[in-house]
Each structure stands twice: as C-alpha cells, then as structure tokens.
Amino acid sequence: MKKIICLLAGMIFPLFVNAQDNRYPEYTKEIFNVCASIFTLGLVMIFILAIMKRTMDHKLKDKILEKGVPDEIVSSVLKTNPKEDRNLNIKWFAILMGLGTGLAIINYTLPIGIHSLAIMAFSIAASFLGYFFFLKQSEK
C-alpha cells in the first residue's frame, strides 16, 4: 500500500510543482519587446546627443581660436563643471530605478494597455523629481 501511495504521489507531484510562469506567455514577449525597444531607442538618442555636443564644442573651440579671444574669456567659456560629472551617476541611477519600478508595476497590473504608458510616465517623472530634490539638497 505504501508503494502505491508513493508511486501515485511521485506521478502527481510534478503536476503541482511548476517553476515556469505560463499564465501570460504572450505578454512576456510583448513586455520584452517593449523594454528592448525603449532601451535601444534610448541608447541611440544618447549617442546622437553626445556626437552633437562634441561637434558643437569643437566648432566653438575653432571659432574662439580664429577670433583670437583673450585668455580670460576662453577659460570662462571652456571650463567644465566637475559637479555635473559627479552627479551623472546619480542621474542615471534615478532614471533606471524609475524605469525598473515602472516595469515592475506594469508586470503586476497586466494586461498591457494605455494604463501601462501612464504608469511608465509617472514612474520616470517621479525618478526625475527625486533627482531634482537630490540636486537641490546637495547644493545646500
């Protein structure tokens, strides 16, 4: 009798234990595609902005050299602010944390719809607001 119960339990138990989440398989593909698209578009936009900034800086430096501007003005125009570089990591942390929070909330509020865009917009806006308050606090 024990062998039969153990055999039946051994055959039925794997039906109850399933490590895969197959409740919404079509939504997981959509979520991955949306996330990958947003990430790729963001990287392309950052790349384009970085190239534009470098070309504009190069043109500005060439114009300054052509005009023969005094050294005091050149140093005041071309100096960089080290505080901006220091806070760059915090800014990216806030943006990615807001994006991750928004995606986590969307995962729990399936199916995906227009409310998903609203959740993403509010979570990213909240992360920018947090970064703003961080900058405001660090200036004091």
C-alpha atoms as a PDB file:
ATOM      1  CA  MET A   1       0.000   0.000   0.000  1.00  0.00           C
ATOM      2  CA  LYS A   2       2.869   2.351   0.834  1.00  0.00           C
ATOM      3  CA  LYS A   3       4.473   1.709  -2.533  1.00  0.00           C
ATOM      4  CA  ILE A   4       1.267   2.570  -4.392  1.00  0.00           C
ATOM      5  CA  ILE A   5       0.821   5.815  -2.464  1.00  0.00           C
ATOM      6  CA  CYS A   6       4.453   6.770  -3.040  1.00  0.00           C
ATOM      7  CA  LEU A   7       4.150   5.903  -6.734  1.00  0.00           C
ATOM      8  CA  LEU A   8       0.954   7.939  -7.149  1.00  0.00           C
ATOM      9  CA  ALA A   9       2.448  10.851  -5.219  1.00  0.00           C
ATOM     10  CA  GLY A  10       5.576  10.645  -7.378  1.00  0.00           C
ATOM     11  CA  MET A  11       3.462  10.792 -10.537  1.00  0.00           C
ATOM     12  CA  ILE A  12       1.070  13.543  -9.385  1.00  0.00           C
ATOM     13  CA  PHE A  13       3.562  15.763  -7.551  1.00  0.00           C
ATOM     14  CA  PRO A  14       5.304  17.105 -10.706  1.00  0.00           C
ATOM     15  CA  LEU A  15       1.953  18.377 -11.950  1.00  0.00           C
ATOM     16  CA  PHE A  16       1.688  20.670  -8.937  1.00  0.00           C
ATOM     17  CA  VAL A  17       5.289  21.813  -8.978  1.00  0.00           C
ATOM     18  CA  ASN A  18       5.918  24.021 -11.986  1.00  0.00           C
ATOM     19  CA  ALA A  19       8.713  26.585 -11.897  1.00  0.00           C
ATOM     20  CA  GLN A  20       7.653  28.315 -15.091  1.00  0.00           C
ATOM     21  CA  ASP A  21       5.145  31.113 -15.256  1.00  0.00           C
ATOM     22  CA  ASN A  22       2.904  30.238 -18.176  1.00  0.00           C
ATOM     23  CA  ARG A  23      -0.082  32.327 -17.154  1.00  0.00           C
ATOM     24  CA  TYR A  24       0.582  35.121 -19.643  1.00  0.00           C
ATOM     25  CA  PRO A  25       3.135  33.881 -22.212  1.00  0.00           C
ATOM     26  CA  GLU A  26       2.090  36.376 -24.897  1.00  0.00           C
ATOM     27  CA  TYR A  27       2.515  39.316 -22.514  1.00  0.00           C
ATOM     28  CA  THR A  28       6.027  38.342 -21.513  1.00  0.00           C
ATOM     29  CA  LYS A  29       7.104  38.531 -25.163  1.00  0.00           C
ATOM     30  CA  GLU A  30       5.401  41.904 -25.536  1.00  0.00           C
ATOM     31  CA  ILE A  31       6.993  43.237 -22.376  1.00  0.00           C
ATOM     32  CA  PHE A  32      10.429  42.117 -23.521  1.00  0.00           C
ATOM     33  CA  ASN A  33       9.920  43.680 -26.958  1.00  0.00           C
ATOM     34  CA  VAL A  34       8.754  46.976 -25.469  1.00  0.00           C
ATOM     35  CA  CYS A  35      11.623  47.091 -22.975  1.00  0.00           C
ATOM     36  CA  ALA A  36      14.198  46.231 -25.617  1.00  0.00           C
ATOM     37  CA  SER A  37      12.792  48.867 -27.969  1.00  0.00           C
ATOM     38  CA  ILE A  38      12.819  51.570 -25.295  1.00  0.00           C
ATOM     39  CA  PHE A  39      16.351  50.678 -24.230  1.00  0.00           C
ATOM     40  CA  THR A  40      17.650  50.634 -27.808  1.00  0.00           C
ATOM     41  CA  LEU A  41      15.964  53.918 -28.673  1.00  0.00           C
ATOM     42  CA  GLY A  42      17.385  55.497 -25.528  1.00  0.00           C
ATOM     43  CA  LEU A  43      20.905  54.367 -26.353  1.00  0.00           C
ATOM     44  CA  VAL A  44      20.625  55.689 -29.915  1.00  0.00           C
ATOM     45  CA  MET A  45      19.334  59.054 -28.678  1.00  0.00           C
ATOM     46  CA  ILE A  46      22.117  59.360 -26.108  1.00  0.00           C
ATOM     47  CA  PHE A  47      24.680  58.513 -28.785  1.00  0.00           C
ATOM     48  CA  ILE A  48      23.278  61.163 -31.151  1.00  0.00           C
ATOM     49  CA  LEU A  49      23.235  63.800 -28.400  1.00  0.00           C
ATOM     50  CA  ALA A  50      26.819  63.008 -27.405  1.00  0.00           C
ATOM     51  CA  ILE A  51      28.009  63.356 -31.008  1.00  0.00           C
ATOM     52  CA  MET A  52      26.140  66.642 -31.429  1.00  0.00           C
ATOM     53  CA  LYS A  53      27.615  68.014 -28.199  1.00  0.00           C
ATOM     54  CA  ARG A  54      31.144  67.091 -29.233  1.00  0.00           C
ATOM     55  CA  THR A  55      30.787  68.633 -32.704  1.00  0.00           C
ATOM     56  CA  MET A  56      29.349  71.847 -31.266  1.00  0.00           C
ATOM     57  CA  ASP A  57      32.165  72.069 -28.718  1.00  0.00           C
ATOM     58  CA  HIS A  58      34.709  71.524 -31.487  1.00  0.00           C
ATOM     59  CA  LYS A  59      33.131  74.258 -33.651  1.00  0.00           C
ATOM     60  CA  LEU A  60      33.100  76.633 -30.691  1.00  0.00           C
ATOM     61  CA  LYS A  61      36.772  75.998 -29.962  1.00  0.00           C
ATOM     62  CA  ASP A  62      37.668  76.579 -33.621  1.00  0.00           C
ATOM     63  CA  LYS A  63      35.765  79.881 -33.677  1.00  0.00           C
ATOM     64  CA  ILE A  64      37.471  81.018 -30.488  1.00  0.00           C
ATOM     65  CA  LEU A  65      40.886  80.227 -31.950  1.00  0.00           C
ATOM     66  CA  GLU A  66      40.059  82.052 -35.212  1.00  0.00           C
ATOM     67  CA  LYS A  67      38.881  85.212 -33.461  1.00  0.00           C
ATOM     68  CA  GLY A  68      41.846  85.486 -31.095  1.00  0.00           C
ATOM     69  CA  VAL A  69      39.744  85.924 -27.975  1.00  0.00           C
ATOM     70  CA  PRO A  70      41.569  86.864 -24.727  1.00  0.00           C
ATOM     71  CA  ASP A  71      42.595  84.050 -22.373  1.00  0.00           C
ATOM     72  CA  GLU A  72      40.243  85.048 -19.527  1.00  0.00           C
ATOM     73  CA  ILE A  73      37.165  84.726 -21.732  1.00  0.00           C
ATOM     74  CA  VAL A  74      38.376  81.457 -23.244  1.00  0.00           C
ATOM     75  CA  SER A  75      38.923  79.907 -19.823  1.00  0.00           C
ATOM     76  CA  SER A  76      35.498  81.051 -18.583  1.00  0.00           C
ATOM     77  CA  VAL A  77      33.723  79.673 -21.681  1.00  0.00           C
ATOM     78  CA  LEU A  78      35.555  76.344 -21.916  1.00  0.00           C
ATOM     79  CA  LYS A  79      35.742  75.400 -18.249  1.00  0.00           C
ATOM     80  CA  THR A  80      33.762  72.348 -17.232  1.00  0.00           C
ATOM     81  CA  ASN A  81      31.762  71.931 -14.067  1.00  0.00           C
ATOM     82  CA  PRO A  82      33.005  68.921 -12.054  1.00  0.00           C
ATOM     83  CA  LYS A  83      29.718  68.819 -10.086  1.00  0.00           C
ATOM     84  CA  GLU A  84      27.832  67.819 -13.237  1.00  0.00           C
ATOM     85  CA  ASP A  85      30.163  64.879 -13.824  1.00  0.00           C
ATOM     86  CA  ARG A  86      29.863  63.809 -10.196  1.00  0.00           C
ATOM     87  CA  ASN A  87      26.051  63.771 -10.297  1.00  0.00           C
ATOM     88  CA  LEU A  88      25.840  61.971 -13.636  1.00  0.00           C
ATOM     89  CA  ASN A  89      25.848  58.544 -11.989  1.00  0.00           C
ATOM     90  CA  ILE A  90      23.089  59.555  -9.589  1.00  0.00           C
ATOM     91  CA  LYS A  91      21.016  60.840 -12.501  1.00  0.00           C
ATOM     92  CA  TRP A  92      21.318  57.541 -14.365  1.00  0.00           C
ATOM     93  CA  PHE A  93      20.567  55.623 -11.193  1.00  0.00           C
ATOM     94  CA  ALA A  94      17.369  57.634 -10.730  1.00  0.00           C
ATOM     95  CA  ILE A  95      16.288  57.150 -14.343  1.00  0.00           C
ATOM     96  CA  LEU A  96      16.938  53.402 -14.383  1.00  0.00           C
ATOM     97  CA  MET A  97      15.364  52.951 -10.950  1.00  0.00           C
ATOM     98  CA  GLY A  98      12.221  54.728 -12.141  1.00  0.00           C
ATOM     99  CA  LEU A  99      12.161  52.633 -15.293  1.00  0.00           C
ATOM    100  CA  GLY A 100      12.580  49.409 -13.335  1.00  0.00           C
ATOM    101  CA  THR A 101       9.900  50.397 -10.844  1.00  0.00           C
ATOM    102  CA  GLY A 102       7.503  51.226 -13.644  1.00  0.00           C
ATOM    103  CA  LEU A 103       8.131  47.919 -15.385  1.00  0.00           C
ATOM    104  CA  ALA A 104       7.647  46.022 -12.127  1.00  0.00           C
ATOM    105  CA  ILE A 105       4.323  47.757 -11.510  1.00  0.00           C
ATOM    106  CA  ILE A 106       3.240  47.052 -15.089  1.00  0.00           C
ATOM    107  CA  ASN A 107       4.073  43.378 -14.615  1.00  0.00           C
ATOM    108  CA  TYR A 108       1.630  43.196 -11.708  1.00  0.00           C
ATOM    109  CA  THR A 109      -1.123  45.140 -13.489  1.00  0.00           C
ATOM    110  CA  LEU A 110      -1.489  43.018 -16.622  1.00  0.00           C
ATOM    111  CA  PRO A 111      -2.949  43.113 -19.288  1.00  0.00           C
ATOM    112  CA  ILE A 112      -0.860  45.747 -21.009  1.00  0.00           C
ATOM    113  CA  GLY A 113      -2.827  48.767 -22.127  1.00  0.00           C
ATOM    114  CA  ILE A 114      -2.854  52.543 -22.050  1.00  0.00           C
ATOM    115  CA  HIS A 115      -2.533  52.469 -18.263  1.00  0.00           C
ATOM    116  CA  SER A 116       0.901  50.889 -18.743  1.00  0.00           C
ATOM    117  CA  LEU A 117       2.123  54.009 -20.527  1.00  0.00           C
ATOM    118  CA  ALA A 118       0.723  56.158 -17.746  1.00  0.00           C
ATOM    119  CA  ILE A 119       2.497  54.037 -15.132  1.00  0.00           C
ATOM    120  CA  MET A 120       5.797  54.379 -17.020  1.00  0.00           C
ATOM    121  CA  ALA A 121       5.370  58.134 -17.413  1.00  0.00           C
ATOM    122  CA  PHE A 122       4.599  58.645 -13.728  1.00  0.00           C
ATOM    123  CA  SER A 123       7.415  56.413 -12.517  1.00  0.00           C
ATOM    124  CA  ILE A 124      10.027  58.116 -14.708  1.00  0.00           C
ATOM    125  CA  ALA A 125       8.663  61.536 -13.733  1.00  0.00           C
ATOM    126  CA  ALA A 126       8.914  60.545 -10.071  1.00  0.00           C
ATOM    127  CA  SER A 127      12.528  59.479 -10.583  1.00  0.00           C
ATOM    128  CA  PHE A 128      13.350  62.840 -12.184  1.00  0.00           C
ATOM    129  CA  LEU A 129      11.603  64.586  -9.299  1.00  0.00           C
ATOM    130  CA  GLY A 130      13.712  62.587  -6.858  1.00  0.00           C
ATOM    131  CA  TYR A 131      16.849  63.559  -8.774  1.00  0.00           C
ATOM    132  CA  PHE A 132      15.769  67.217  -8.674  1.00  0.00           C
ATOM    133  CA  PHE A 133      15.331  67.059  -4.907  1.00  0.00           C
ATOM    134  CA  PHE A 134      18.723  65.368  -4.622  1.00  0.00           C
ATOM    135  CA  LEU A 135      20.360  68.206  -6.575  1.00  0.00           C
ATOM    136  CA  LYS A 136      18.529  70.788  -4.506  1.00  0.00           C
ATOM    137  CA  GLN A 137      19.634  69.110  -1.274  1.00  0.00           C
ATOM    138  CA  SER A 138      23.252  68.716  -2.419  1.00  0.00           C
ATOM    139  CA  GLU A 139      23.511  72.441  -3.233  1.00  0.00           C
ATOM    140  CA  LYS A 140      22.832  73.381   0.407  1.00  0.00           C
END
